[in-house]
Amino acid sequence: MQVSMEKPETNTLLIVNPTSGPTENPYLIDDLTALLQAQGIQAEISTTTPDESGEGLAAAAAQAGVGLVIVAGGDGTIEAVARGLVHTQTVLGIIPMGTRNNIAASLNIPNDLTQAIKIIAEGDRDRFDMGKANNHYFMEVVGVGLEAALFPCGDEVKEGIKKNYLAALRSVFSGLKTFLQFRPHRLILRFDGRRMRRLRTLQVNICNSPRYGIEFSLAPEAKMNDGKLDVIYLDNPSKWDHLRHFFTAMRGGGQRHERLKMHRASVVEVRSYPPLEVHADGECLGTTPVVVEVIPQALWICIPTPEILEDLPMKAG
């Protein structure tokens, strides 16, 4: 159940990732400041750095009594700032500026900067869940198995494209080798300390939000405010099954794969033989065993009212 908060907040911090998005804008902070002021929002400004993801800035702001922290960046920056605001009364405002903007899409926040800032100024404030995997907070998804094994290659490709195309190409071949060599593993899942499933699969995803990664709509029924996590896996799949399932998810869902299994729980324990790699929102967490739980109503977020959604020319996602 959502609980609304009154607005507006008395003091505001804007945290900007100046490197977010496909292109850099040298006038980004000036543009954001002007757009915020047009909506009556005066904000102090901080920027992220390679050593400060935004989590520390957000935590310090909440501790100092800042009422609203606005983050302008991609999913990684939004997640970092959210971790700094968990279990506080400080509200998170989102200006999506990344390549994918999955979190914004999951919350019906549009990519247009003016519209996103209007939602911060005029929208609702409601509580949303966070996930927690071995004491690491996340907003989107935990992946166990093949996907987590491939994430380091994906990061290397992303960095290589910016700096060294040859290195990116080597990472692509490394990822392909990992994919071809990876085999289904035996896992044990326990839901809420009671129900147990034994399975053989390539990977398991535990979702707090409906969308993640390369705009995968892996758990389209997942909600970020229902106090539950959606558990998704294919039962004893082939590599072709796996690829077909994820290409379908990339196109926005569609027909369910016949091997697809879905469960919903508040706490999910995962064990595997041998241990498998684990990631949360793209951050490597080591290997199984892992305990993943939902933290209900952990975070205040600015979201659009039904009236604002009706007036938007295009909804997010």
C-alpha atoms as a PDB file:
ATOM      1  CA  MET A   1       0.000   0.000   0.000  1.00  0.00           C
ATOM      2  CA  GLN A   2       1.339   3.411  -0.959  1.00  0.00           C
ATOM      3  CA  VAL A   3       1.462   6.281   1.541  1.00  0.00           C
ATOM      4  CA  SER A   4       1.627   9.776   0.067  1.00  0.00           C
ATOM      5  CA  MET A   5       3.726  12.641   1.413  1.00  0.00           C
ATOM      6  CA  GLU A   6       2.876  16.327   1.293  1.00  0.00           C
ATOM      7  CA  LYS A   7       5.045  18.687  -0.743  1.00  0.00           C
ATOM      8  CA  PRO A   8       6.941  20.905  -1.501  1.00  0.00           C
ATOM      9  CA  GLU A   9      10.217  20.262   0.310  1.00  0.00           C
ATOM     10  CA  THR A  10      12.039  23.197   1.867  1.00  0.00           C
ATOM     11  CA  ASN A  11      15.567  22.480   0.625  1.00  0.00           C
ATOM     12  CA  THR A  12      16.893  20.636  -2.372  1.00  0.00           C
ATOM     13  CA  LEU A  13      20.128  19.058  -3.635  1.00  0.00           C
ATOM     14  CA  LEU A  14      20.705  18.260  -7.303  1.00  0.00           C
ATOM     15  CA  ILE A  15      23.219  15.445  -7.924  1.00  0.00           C
ATOM     16  CA  VAL A  16      24.406  15.370 -11.538  1.00  0.00           C
ATOM     17  CA  ASN A  17      26.395  12.708 -13.344  1.00  0.00           C
ATOM     18  CA  PRO A  18      28.058  14.842 -16.056  1.00  0.00           C
ATOM     19  CA  THR A  19      29.030  11.748 -18.094  1.00  0.00           C
ATOM     20  CA  SER A  20      25.570  10.135 -18.303  1.00  0.00           C
ATOM     21  CA  GLY A  21      23.950   9.494 -21.638  1.00  0.00           C
ATOM     22  CA  PRO A  22      25.252   8.837 -25.121  1.00  0.00           C
ATOM     23  CA  THR A  23      26.655  12.374 -25.575  1.00  0.00           C
ATOM     24  CA  GLU A  24      28.237  14.905 -23.225  1.00  0.00           C
ATOM     25  CA  ASN A  25      26.729  18.386 -22.824  1.00  0.00           C
ATOM     26  CA  PRO A  26      29.119  21.072 -21.520  1.00  0.00           C
ATOM     27  CA  TYR A  27      26.109  23.246 -20.595  1.00  0.00           C
ATOM     28  CA  LEU A  28      24.250  20.473 -18.785  1.00  0.00           C
ATOM     29  CA  ILE A  29      24.277  21.991 -15.293  1.00  0.00           C
ATOM     30  CA  ASP A  30      23.231  25.429 -16.600  1.00  0.00           C
ATOM     31  CA  ASP A  31      20.396  23.825 -18.594  1.00  0.00           C
ATOM     32  CA  LEU A  32      19.177  21.784 -15.616  1.00  0.00           C
ATOM     33  CA  THR A  33      19.351  24.781 -13.287  1.00  0.00           C
ATOM     34  CA  ALA A  34      17.265  26.879 -15.682  1.00  0.00           C
ATOM     35  CA  LEU A  35      14.647  24.132 -16.082  1.00  0.00           C
ATOM     36  CA  LEU A  36      14.398  23.640 -12.315  1.00  0.00           C
ATOM     37  CA  GLN A  37      14.065  27.374 -11.683  1.00  0.00           C
ATOM     38  CA  ALA A  38      11.295  27.545 -14.274  1.00  0.00           C
ATOM     39  CA  GLN A  39       9.371  25.128 -12.026  1.00  0.00           C
ATOM     40  CA  GLY A  40      10.204  27.125  -8.890  1.00  0.00           C
ATOM     41  CA  ILE A  41      12.910  24.761  -7.623  1.00  0.00           C
ATOM     42  CA  GLN A  42      16.144  26.246  -6.265  1.00  0.00           C
ATOM     43  CA  ALA A  43      18.783  23.568  -5.711  1.00  0.00           C
ATOM     44  CA  GLU A  44      22.328  23.285  -4.522  1.00  0.00           C
ATOM     45  CA  ILE A  45      24.414  21.282  -6.985  1.00  0.00           C
ATOM     46  CA  SER A  46      26.871  18.424  -6.568  1.00  0.00           C
ATOM     47  CA  THR A  47      28.420  16.249  -9.256  1.00  0.00           C
ATOM     48  CA  THR A  48      29.452  12.614  -9.172  1.00  0.00           C
ATOM     49  CA  THR A  49      33.064  11.593  -9.736  1.00  0.00           C
ATOM     50  CA  PRO A  50      34.857   8.283 -10.348  1.00  0.00           C
ATOM     51  CA  ASP A  51      35.339   8.073  -6.571  1.00  0.00           C
ATOM     52  CA  GLU A  52      31.849   9.298  -5.567  1.00  0.00           C
ATOM     53  CA  SER A  53      28.932   7.529  -7.226  1.00  0.00           C
ATOM     54  CA  GLY A  54      26.355   9.743  -5.550  1.00  0.00           C
ATOM     55  CA  GLU A  55      25.531   7.426  -2.639  1.00  0.00           C
ATOM     56  CA  GLY A  56      27.699   9.352  -0.173  1.00  0.00           C
ATOM     57  CA  LEU A  57      26.397  12.713  -1.377  1.00  0.00           C
ATOM     58  CA  ALA A  58      22.804  11.557  -0.943  1.00  0.00           C
ATOM     59  CA  ALA A  59      23.404  10.024   2.486  1.00  0.00           C
ATOM     60  CA  ALA A  60      25.083  13.205   3.720  1.00  0.00           C
ATOM     61  CA  ALA A  61      22.217  15.317   2.387  1.00  0.00           C
ATOM     62  CA  ALA A  62      19.615  13.164   4.141  1.00  0.00           C
ATOM     63  CA  GLN A  63      21.576  13.317   7.386  1.00  0.00           C
ATOM     64  CA  ALA A  64      21.700  17.114   7.071  1.00  0.00           C
ATOM     65  CA  GLY A  65      17.912  17.254   6.733  1.00  0.00           C
ATOM     66  CA  VAL A  66      17.654  17.983   2.993  1.00  0.00           C
ATOM     67  CA  GLY A  67      14.060  17.335   1.991  1.00  0.00           C
ATOM     68  CA  LEU A  68      14.524  16.565  -1.711  1.00  0.00           C
ATOM     69  CA  VAL A  69      17.478  15.039  -3.552  1.00  0.00           C
ATOM     70  CA  ILE A  70      17.173  15.168  -7.341  1.00  0.00           C
ATOM     71  CA  VAL A  71      19.423  12.905  -9.391  1.00  0.00           C
ATOM     72  CA  ALA A  72      20.205  13.614 -13.043  1.00  0.00           C
ATOM     73  CA  GLY A  73      21.861  10.560 -14.555  1.00  0.00           C
ATOM     74  CA  GLY A  74      21.458   7.030 -15.786  1.00  0.00           C
ATOM     75  CA  ASP A  75      20.246   3.952 -13.944  1.00  0.00           C
ATOM     76  CA  GLY A  76      23.566   3.366 -12.186  1.00  0.00           C
ATOM     77  CA  THR A  77      23.642   6.884 -10.756  1.00  0.00           C
ATOM     78  CA  ILE A  78      19.978   6.736  -9.749  1.00  0.00           C
ATOM     79  CA  GLU A  79      20.595   3.434  -7.947  1.00  0.00           C
ATOM     80  CA  ALA A  80      23.622   4.834  -6.123  1.00  0.00           C
ATOM     81  CA  VAL A  81      21.698   7.903  -4.923  1.00  0.00           C
ATOM     82  CA  ALA A  82      18.752   5.718  -3.900  1.00  0.00           C
ATOM     83  CA  ARG A  83      21.037   3.578  -1.724  1.00  0.00           C
ATOM     84  CA  GLY A  84      22.059   6.737   0.115  1.00  0.00           C
ATOM     85  CA  LEU A  85      18.409   7.622   0.831  1.00  0.00           C
ATOM     86  CA  VAL A  86      17.094   4.232   2.018  1.00  0.00           C
ATOM     87  CA  HIS A  87      15.160   4.443   5.305  1.00  0.00           C
ATOM     88  CA  THR A  88      15.197   8.283   5.341  1.00  0.00           C
ATOM     89  CA  GLN A  89      12.451  10.874   4.912  1.00  0.00           C
ATOM     90  CA  THR A  90      14.316  12.546   2.050  1.00  0.00           C
ATOM     91  CA  VAL A  91      12.474  12.281  -1.275  1.00  0.00           C
ATOM     92  CA  LEU A  92      14.183  11.136  -4.483  1.00  0.00           C
ATOM     93  CA  GLY A  93      13.452  13.088  -7.672  1.00  0.00           C
ATOM     94  CA  ILE A  94      14.544  11.502 -10.952  1.00  0.00           C
ATOM     95  CA  ILE A  95      15.720  13.244 -14.127  1.00  0.00           C
ATOM     96  CA  PRO A  96      16.551  10.328 -16.463  1.00  0.00           C
ATOM     97  CA  MET A  97      19.613  11.007 -18.587  1.00  0.00           C
ATOM     98  CA  GLY A  98      21.046   7.561 -19.274  1.00  0.00           C
ATOM     99  CA  THR A  99      21.083   5.349 -22.333  1.00  0.00           C
ATOM    100  CA  ARG A 100      18.313   2.990 -21.155  1.00  0.00           C
ATOM    101  CA  ASN A 101      16.504   4.748 -18.274  1.00  0.00           C
ATOM    102  CA  ASN A 102      14.865   1.540 -17.062  1.00  0.00           C
ATOM    103  CA  ILE A 103      14.065   2.829 -13.581  1.00  0.00           C
ATOM    104  CA  ALA A 104      12.315   5.901 -14.956  1.00  0.00           C
ATOM    105  CA  ALA A 105      10.340   3.730 -17.379  1.00  0.00           C
ATOM    106  CA  SER A 106       9.300   1.411 -14.538  1.00  0.00           C
ATOM    107  CA  LEU A 107       7.961   4.462 -12.647  1.00  0.00           C
ATOM    108  CA  ASN A 108       6.279   6.101 -15.684  1.00  0.00           C
ATOM    109  CA  ILE A 109       8.736   9.009 -15.609  1.00  0.00           C
ATOM    110  CA  PRO A 110       9.335  10.327 -19.158  1.00  0.00           C
ATOM    111  CA  ASN A 111      12.790  10.901 -20.630  1.00  0.00           C
ATOM    112  CA  ASP A 112      11.976  14.490 -21.594  1.00  0.00           C
ATOM    113  CA  LEU A 113      13.801  16.735 -19.095  1.00  0.00           C
ATOM    114  CA  THR A 114      11.077  19.371 -18.848  1.00  0.00           C
ATOM    115  CA  GLN A 115       8.381  16.759 -18.228  1.00  0.00           C
ATOM    116  CA  ALA A 116      10.516  14.897 -15.673  1.00  0.00           C
ATOM    117  CA  ILE A 117      11.138  18.123 -13.736  1.00  0.00           C
ATOM    118  CA  LYS A 118       7.421  18.981 -13.857  1.00  0.00           C
ATOM    119  CA  ILE A 119       6.769  15.640 -12.130  1.00  0.00           C
ATOM    120  CA  ILE A 120       9.264  16.555  -9.399  1.00  0.00           C
ATOM    121  CA  ALA A 121       7.540  19.919  -8.906  1.00  0.00           C
ATOM    122  CA  GLU A 122       3.898  18.851  -9.226  1.00  0.00           C
ATOM    123  CA  GLY A 123       3.753  15.076  -8.884  1.00  0.00           C
ATOM    124  CA  ASP A 124       3.068  12.768  -5.956  1.00  0.00           C
ATOM    125  CA  ARG A 125       5.568  11.496  -3.386  1.00  0.00           C
ATOM    126  CA  ASP A 126       5.115   7.810  -2.592  1.00  0.00           C
ATOM    127  CA  ARG A 127       7.059   5.020  -0.949  1.00  0.00           C
ATOM    128  CA  PHE A 128       8.663   2.266  -3.022  1.00  0.00           C
ATOM    129  CA  ASP A 129      10.454  -0.981  -2.260  1.00  0.00           C
ATOM    130  CA  MET A 130      14.147  -1.689  -2.535  1.00  0.00           C
ATOM    131  CA  GLY A 131      15.738  -5.108  -2.844  1.00  0.00           C
ATOM    132  CA  LYS A 132      18.593  -6.301  -0.668  1.00  0.00           C
ATOM    133  CA  ALA A 133      21.054  -9.025  -1.659  1.00  0.00           C
ATOM    134  CA  ASN A 134      23.611 -10.004   0.987  1.00  0.00           C
ATOM    135  CA  ASN A 135      23.378  -6.475   2.478  1.00  0.00           C
ATOM    136  CA  HIS A 136      23.630  -4.730  -0.932  1.00  0.00           C
ATOM    137  CA  TYR A 137      20.593  -2.601  -1.814  1.00  0.00           C
ATOM    138  CA  PHE A 138      19.297  -2.689  -5.395  1.00  0.00           C
ATOM    139  CA  MET A 139      16.354  -1.253  -7.355  1.00  0.00           C
ATOM    140  CA  GLU A 140      16.056  -3.473 -10.431  1.00  0.00           C
ATOM    141  CA  VAL A 141      17.273  -7.064 -10.464  1.00  0.00           C
ATOM    142  CA  VAL A 142      19.580  -9.710  -9.076  1.00  0.00           C
ATOM    143  CA  GLY A 143      20.959 -12.192 -11.608  1.00  0.00           C
ATOM    144  CA  VAL A 144      22.514 -15.553 -10.736  1.00  0.00           C
ATOM    145  CA  GLY A 145      24.427 -17.605 -13.299  1.00  0.00           C
ATOM    146  CA  LEU A 146      25.151 -16.891 -16.944  1.00  0.00           C
ATOM    147  CA  GLU A 147      24.118 -13.240 -16.932  1.00  0.00           C
ATOM    148  CA  ALA A 148      26.359 -12.432 -13.954  1.00  0.00           C
ATOM    149  CA  ALA A 149      29.255 -14.257 -15.615  1.00  0.00           C
ATOM    150  CA  LEU A 150      28.808 -12.107 -18.735  1.00  0.00           C
ATOM    151  CA  PHE A 151      28.535  -8.726 -16.968  1.00  0.00           C
ATOM    152  CA  PRO A 152      32.322  -8.078 -16.706  1.00  0.00           C
ATOM    153  CA  CYS A 153      32.602  -8.584 -20.483  1.00  0.00           C
ATOM    154  CA  GLY A 154      29.735  -6.174 -21.044  1.00  0.00           C
ATOM    155  CA  ASP A 155      31.407  -3.506 -18.910  1.00  0.00           C
ATOM    156  CA  GLU A 156      34.661  -3.982 -20.805  1.00  0.00           C
ATOM    157  CA  VAL A 157      32.854  -3.626 -24.131  1.00  0.00           C
ATOM    158  CA  LYS A 158      31.171  -0.410 -22.937  1.00  0.00           C
ATOM    159  CA  GLU A 159      34.472   1.092 -21.806  1.00  0.00           C
ATOM    160  CA  GLY A 160      36.286  -0.169 -24.890  1.00  0.00           C
ATOM    161  CA  ILE A 161      33.828   1.512 -27.251  1.00  0.00           C
ATOM    162  CA  LYS A 162      34.653   4.841 -25.607  1.00  0.00           C
ATOM    163  CA  LYS A 163      38.435   4.369 -25.553  1.00  0.00           C
ATOM    164  CA  ASN A 164      39.726   1.346 -27.479  1.00  0.00           C
ATOM    165  CA  TYR A 165      37.743  -0.478 -30.162  1.00  0.00           C
ATOM    166  CA  LEU A 166      40.247  -3.346 -30.301  1.00  0.00           C
ATOM    167  CA  ALA A 167      39.804  -3.958 -26.562  1.00  0.00           C
ATOM    168  CA  ALA A 168      36.034  -3.866 -27.033  1.00  0.00           C
ATOM    169  CA  LEU A 169      36.272  -6.469 -29.802  1.00  0.00           C
ATOM    170  CA  ARG A 170      38.390  -8.738 -27.582  1.00  0.00           C
ATOM    171  CA  SER A 171      35.768  -8.424 -24.845  1.00  0.00           C
ATOM    172  CA  VAL A 172      33.021  -9.400 -27.313  1.00  0.00           C
ATOM    173  CA  PHE A 173      34.897 -12.599 -28.181  1.00  0.00           C
ATOM    174  CA  SER A 174      35.528 -13.268 -24.496  1.00  0.00           C
ATOM    175  CA  GLY A 175      31.805 -12.926 -23.776  1.00  0.00           C
ATOM    176  CA  LEU A 176      30.945 -15.232 -26.676  1.00  0.00           C
ATOM    177  CA  LYS A 177      33.367 -17.848 -25.332  1.00  0.00           C
ATOM    178  CA  THR A 178      31.796 -17.586 -21.850  1.00  0.00           C
ATOM    179  CA  PHE A 179      28.323 -18.014 -23.341  1.00  0.00           C
ATOM    180  CA  LEU A 180      29.270 -21.061 -25.400  1.00  0.00           C
ATOM    181  CA  GLN A 181      31.088 -22.779 -22.534  1.00  0.00           C
ATOM    182  CA  PHE A 182      28.474 -22.086 -19.869  1.00  0.00           C
ATOM    183  CA  ARG A 183      26.297 -25.062 -18.963  1.00  0.00           C
ATOM    184  CA  PRO A 184      23.059 -25.390 -16.950  1.00  0.00           C
ATOM    185  CA  HIS A 185      23.701 -25.797 -13.222  1.00  0.00           C
ATOM    186  CA  ARG A 186      21.789 -27.323 -10.336  1.00  0.00           C
ATOM    187  CA  LEU A 187      20.240 -24.775  -8.003  1.00  0.00           C
ATOM    188  CA  ILE A 188      18.035 -24.791  -4.944  1.00  0.00           C
ATOM    189  CA  LEU A 189      15.599 -21.933  -4.387  1.00  0.00           C
ATOM    190  CA  ARG A 190      13.783 -21.388  -1.107  1.00  0.00           C
ATOM    191  CA  PHE A 191      10.893 -18.918  -0.959  1.00  0.00           C
ATOM    192  CA  ASP A 192      10.020 -17.155   2.304  1.00  0.00           C
ATOM    193  CA  GLY A 193      11.828 -19.855   4.292  1.00  0.00           C
ATOM    194  CA  ARG A 194       9.248 -22.509   3.338  1.00  0.00           C
ATOM    195  CA  ARG A 195       8.689 -23.499  -0.274  1.00  0.00           C
ATOM    196  CA  MET A 196      11.707 -25.033  -1.980  1.00  0.00           C
ATOM    197  CA  ARG A 197      12.436 -25.690  -5.649  1.00  0.00           C
ATOM    198  CA  ARG A 198      15.241 -27.792  -7.091  1.00  0.00           C
ATOM    199  CA  LEU A 199      16.060 -26.905 -10.656  1.00  0.00           C
ATOM    200  CA  ARG A 200      18.586 -27.049 -13.436  1.00  0.00           C
ATOM    201  CA  THR A 201      18.995 -23.824 -15.384  1.00  0.00           C
ATOM    202  CA  LEU A 202      21.390 -21.295 -16.907  1.00  0.00           C
ATOM    203  CA  GLN A 203      20.323 -18.397 -14.730  1.00  0.00           C
ATOM    204  CA  VAL A 204      17.793 -17.080 -12.254  1.00  0.00           C
ATOM    205  CA  ASN A 205      16.581 -13.472 -12.101  1.00  0.00           C
ATOM    206  CA  ILE A 206      15.028 -11.944  -8.997  1.00  0.00           C
ATOM    207  CA  CYS A 207      13.245  -8.733  -9.983  1.00  0.00           C
ATOM    208  CA  ASN A 208      12.069  -5.717  -8.003  1.00  0.00           C
ATOM    209  CA  SER A 209      11.220  -3.736 -11.163  1.00  0.00           C
ATOM    210  CA  PRO A 210       9.658  -4.814 -14.460  1.00  0.00           C
ATOM    211  CA  ARG A 211      12.544  -3.650 -16.667  1.00  0.00           C
ATOM    212  CA  TYR A 212      16.352  -3.700 -16.573  1.00  0.00           C
ATOM    213  CA  GLY A 213      19.500  -4.096 -18.692  1.00  0.00           C
ATOM    214  CA  ILE A 214      19.109  -3.542 -22.427  1.00  0.00           C
ATOM    215  CA  GLU A 215      15.459  -2.608 -21.869  1.00  0.00           C
ATOM    216  CA  PHE A 216      14.592  -6.206 -20.939  1.00  0.00           C
ATOM    217  CA  SER A 217      10.946  -6.489 -19.945  1.00  0.00           C
ATOM    218  CA  LEU A 218      11.747  -9.682 -18.068  1.00  0.00           C
ATOM    219  CA  ALA A 219       9.096  -9.399 -15.337  1.00  0.00           C
ATOM    220  CA  PRO A 220       6.365  -7.201 -16.855  1.00  0.00           C
ATOM    221  CA  GLU A 221       4.014  -7.855 -13.912  1.00  0.00           C
ATOM    222  CA  ALA A 222       6.585  -6.810 -11.280  1.00  0.00           C
ATOM    223  CA  LYS A 223       5.688  -3.779  -9.195  1.00  0.00           C
ATOM    224  CA  MET A 224       8.069  -1.671  -7.134  1.00  0.00           C
ATOM    225  CA  ASN A 225       5.553  -1.130  -4.335  1.00  0.00           C
ATOM    226  CA  ASP A 226       3.956  -4.539  -3.693  1.00  0.00           C
ATOM    227  CA  GLY A 227       6.348  -5.869  -1.044  1.00  0.00           C
ATOM    228  CA  LYS A 228       7.297  -8.810  -3.277  1.00  0.00           C
ATOM    229  CA  LEU A 229      10.089  -9.929  -5.609  1.00  0.00           C
ATOM    230  CA  ASP A 230       9.400 -11.696  -8.915  1.00  0.00           C
ATOM    231  CA  VAL A 231      11.578 -14.772  -9.534  1.00  0.00           C
ATOM    232  CA  ILE A 232      12.092 -15.762 -13.168  1.00  0.00           C
ATOM    233  CA  TYR A 233      13.927 -18.740 -14.712  1.00  0.00           C
ATOM    234  CA  LEU A 234      13.726 -21.234 -17.553  1.00  0.00           C
ATOM    235  CA  ASP A 235      13.447 -24.868 -16.486  1.00  0.00           C
ATOM    236  CA  ASN A 236      16.326 -26.939 -17.956  1.00  0.00           C
ATOM    237  CA  PRO A 237      16.722 -24.714 -21.040  1.00  0.00           C
ATOM    238  CA  SER A 238      18.910 -25.046 -24.085  1.00  0.00           C
ATOM    239  CA  LYS A 239      21.042 -22.107 -25.189  1.00  0.00           C
ATOM    240  CA  TRP A 240      18.504 -21.484 -27.953  1.00  0.00           C
ATOM    241  CA  ASP A 241      15.667 -21.410 -25.392  1.00  0.00           C
ATOM    242  CA  HIS A 242      17.629 -18.876 -23.391  1.00  0.00           C
ATOM    243  CA  LEU A 243      18.355 -16.604 -26.355  1.00  0.00           C
ATOM    244  CA  ARG A 244      14.771 -16.776 -27.597  1.00  0.00           C
ATOM    245  CA  HIS A 245      13.442 -15.872 -24.154  1.00  0.00           C
ATOM    246  CA  PHE A 246      15.700 -12.840 -23.811  1.00  0.00           C
ATOM    247  CA  PHE A 247      15.098 -11.563 -27.333  1.00  0.00           C
ATOM    248  CA  THR A 248      11.366 -11.737 -26.539  1.00  0.00           C
ATOM    249  CA  ALA A 249      11.971  -9.832 -23.293  1.00  0.00           C
ATOM    250  CA  MET A 250      13.969  -7.219 -25.209  1.00  0.00           C
ATOM    251  CA  ARG A 251      10.971  -6.622 -27.474  1.00  0.00           C
ATOM    252  CA  GLY A 252       8.757  -5.922 -24.480  1.00  0.00           C
ATOM    253  CA  GLY A 253       7.497  -9.296 -23.326  1.00  0.00           C
ATOM    254  CA  GLY A 254       5.063 -10.998 -25.674  1.00  0.00           C
ATOM    255  CA  GLN A 255       4.286 -14.705 -25.521  1.00  0.00           C
ATOM    256  CA  ARG A 256       5.726 -16.572 -22.543  1.00  0.00           C
ATOM    257  CA  HIS A 257       8.280 -19.315 -23.184  1.00  0.00           C
ATOM    258  CA  GLU A 258       6.869 -22.755 -22.420  1.00  0.00           C
ATOM    259  CA  ARG A 259       9.746 -23.479 -20.002  1.00  0.00           C
ATOM    260  CA  LEU A 260       9.373 -20.194 -18.144  1.00  0.00           C
ATOM    261  CA  LYS A 261       8.749 -20.471 -14.399  1.00  0.00           C
ATOM    262  CA  MET A 262       7.667 -17.506 -12.273  1.00  0.00           C
ATOM    263  CA  HIS A 263       7.331 -17.198  -8.497  1.00  0.00           C
ATOM    264  CA  ARG A 264       6.685 -14.327  -6.126  1.00  0.00           C
ATOM    265  CA  ALA A 265       8.168 -14.055  -2.642  1.00  0.00           C
ATOM    266  CA  SER A 266       9.492 -11.608  -0.056  1.00  0.00           C
ATOM    267  CA  VAL A 267      12.706 -13.557   0.649  1.00  0.00           C
ATOM    268  CA  VAL A 268      14.522 -15.770  -1.834  1.00  0.00           C
ATOM    269  CA  GLU A 269      17.495 -17.971  -0.901  1.00  0.00           C
ATOM    270  CA  VAL A 270      19.642 -19.286  -3.761  1.00  0.00           C
ATOM    271  CA  ARG A 271      22.180 -22.088  -3.490  1.00  0.00           C
ATOM    272  CA  SER A 272      23.988 -23.778  -6.349  1.00  0.00           C
ATOM    273  CA  TYR A 273      26.461 -26.542  -7.032  1.00  0.00           C
ATOM    274  CA  PRO A 274      29.086 -25.418  -7.870  1.00  0.00           C
ATOM    275  CA  PRO A 275      28.827 -21.760  -6.710  1.00  0.00           C
ATOM    276  CA  LEU A 276      27.599 -19.343  -9.388  1.00  0.00           C
ATOM    277  CA  GLU A 277      28.343 -15.653  -9.878  1.00  0.00           C
ATOM    278  CA  VAL A 278      25.803 -13.094  -8.662  1.00  0.00           C
ATOM    279  CA  HIS A 279      25.140  -9.500  -9.732  1.00  0.00           C
ATOM    280  CA  ALA A 280      22.745  -6.845  -8.457  1.00  0.00           C
ATOM    281  CA  ASP A 281      21.908  -4.074 -10.953  1.00  0.00           C
ATOM    282  CA  GLY A 282      25.107  -4.933 -12.813  1.00  0.00           C
ATOM    283  CA  GLU A 283      27.370  -4.853  -9.746  1.00  0.00           C
ATOM    284  CA  CYS A 284      29.173  -8.118  -9.004  1.00  0.00           C
ATOM    285  CA  LEU A 285      28.406  -9.479  -5.538  1.00  0.00           C
ATOM    286  CA  GLY A 286      30.556 -12.629  -5.566  1.00  0.00           C
ATOM    287  CA  THR A 287      29.040 -16.105  -5.745  1.00  0.00           C
ATOM    288  CA  THR A 288      26.179 -18.120  -4.292  1.00  0.00           C
ATOM    289  CA  PRO A 289      24.786 -18.742  -1.759  1.00  0.00           C
ATOM    290  CA  VAL A 290      22.855 -15.474  -1.735  1.00  0.00           C
ATOM    291  CA  VAL A 291      19.804 -14.294   0.205  1.00  0.00           C
ATOM    292  CA  VAL A 292      17.664 -11.734  -1.606  1.00  0.00           C
ATOM    293  CA  GLU A 293      14.873  -9.924   0.216  1.00  0.00           C
ATOM    294  CA  VAL A 294      12.501  -7.057  -0.435  1.00  0.00           C
ATOM    295  CA  ILE A 295      12.627  -4.021   1.845  1.00  0.00           C
ATOM    296  CA  PRO A 296       9.063  -2.655   1.689  1.00  0.00           C
ATOM    297  CA  GLN A 297       8.469   1.101   1.461  1.00  0.00           C
ATOM    298  CA  ALA A 298      12.182   1.799   1.813  1.00  0.00           C
ATOM    299  CA  LEU A 299      12.354   4.945  -0.320  1.00  0.00           C
ATOM    300  CA  TRP A 300      10.291   8.068  -1.097  1.00  0.00           C
ATOM    301  CA  ILE A 301      10.180   8.865  -4.846  1.00  0.00           C
ATOM    302  CA  CYS A 302       8.527  11.624  -6.910  1.00  0.00           C
ATOM    303  CA  ILE A 303       6.115  10.067  -9.409  1.00  0.00           C
ATOM    304  CA  PRO A 304       3.550  11.447 -11.854  1.00  0.00           C
ATOM    305  CA  THR A 305      -0.059  11.907 -10.798  1.00  0.00           C
ATOM    306  CA  PRO A 306      -2.726  10.289 -13.014  1.00  0.00           C
ATOM    307  CA  GLU A 307      -3.551  13.782 -14.322  1.00  0.00           C
ATOM    308  CA  ILE A 308       0.078  14.420 -15.328  1.00  0.00           C
ATOM    309  CA  LEU A 309       0.260  11.022 -17.056  1.00  0.00           C
ATOM    310  CA  GLU A 310      -2.843  11.822 -19.070  1.00  0.00           C
ATOM    311  CA  ASP A 311      -1.323  15.115 -20.230  1.00  0.00           C
ATOM    312  CA  LEU A 312       2.010  13.602 -21.322  1.00  0.00           C
ATOM    313  CA  PRO A 313       2.368  13.201 -25.106  1.00  0.00           C
ATOM    314  CA  MET A 314       4.255   9.937 -24.525  1.00  0.00           C
ATOM    315  CA  LYS A 315       4.572   7.781 -21.457  1.00  0.00           C
ATOM    316  CA  ALA A 316       8.001   6.543 -20.405  1.00  0.00           C
ATOM    317  CA  GLY A 317       9.087   3.188 -21.797  1.00  0.00           C
END
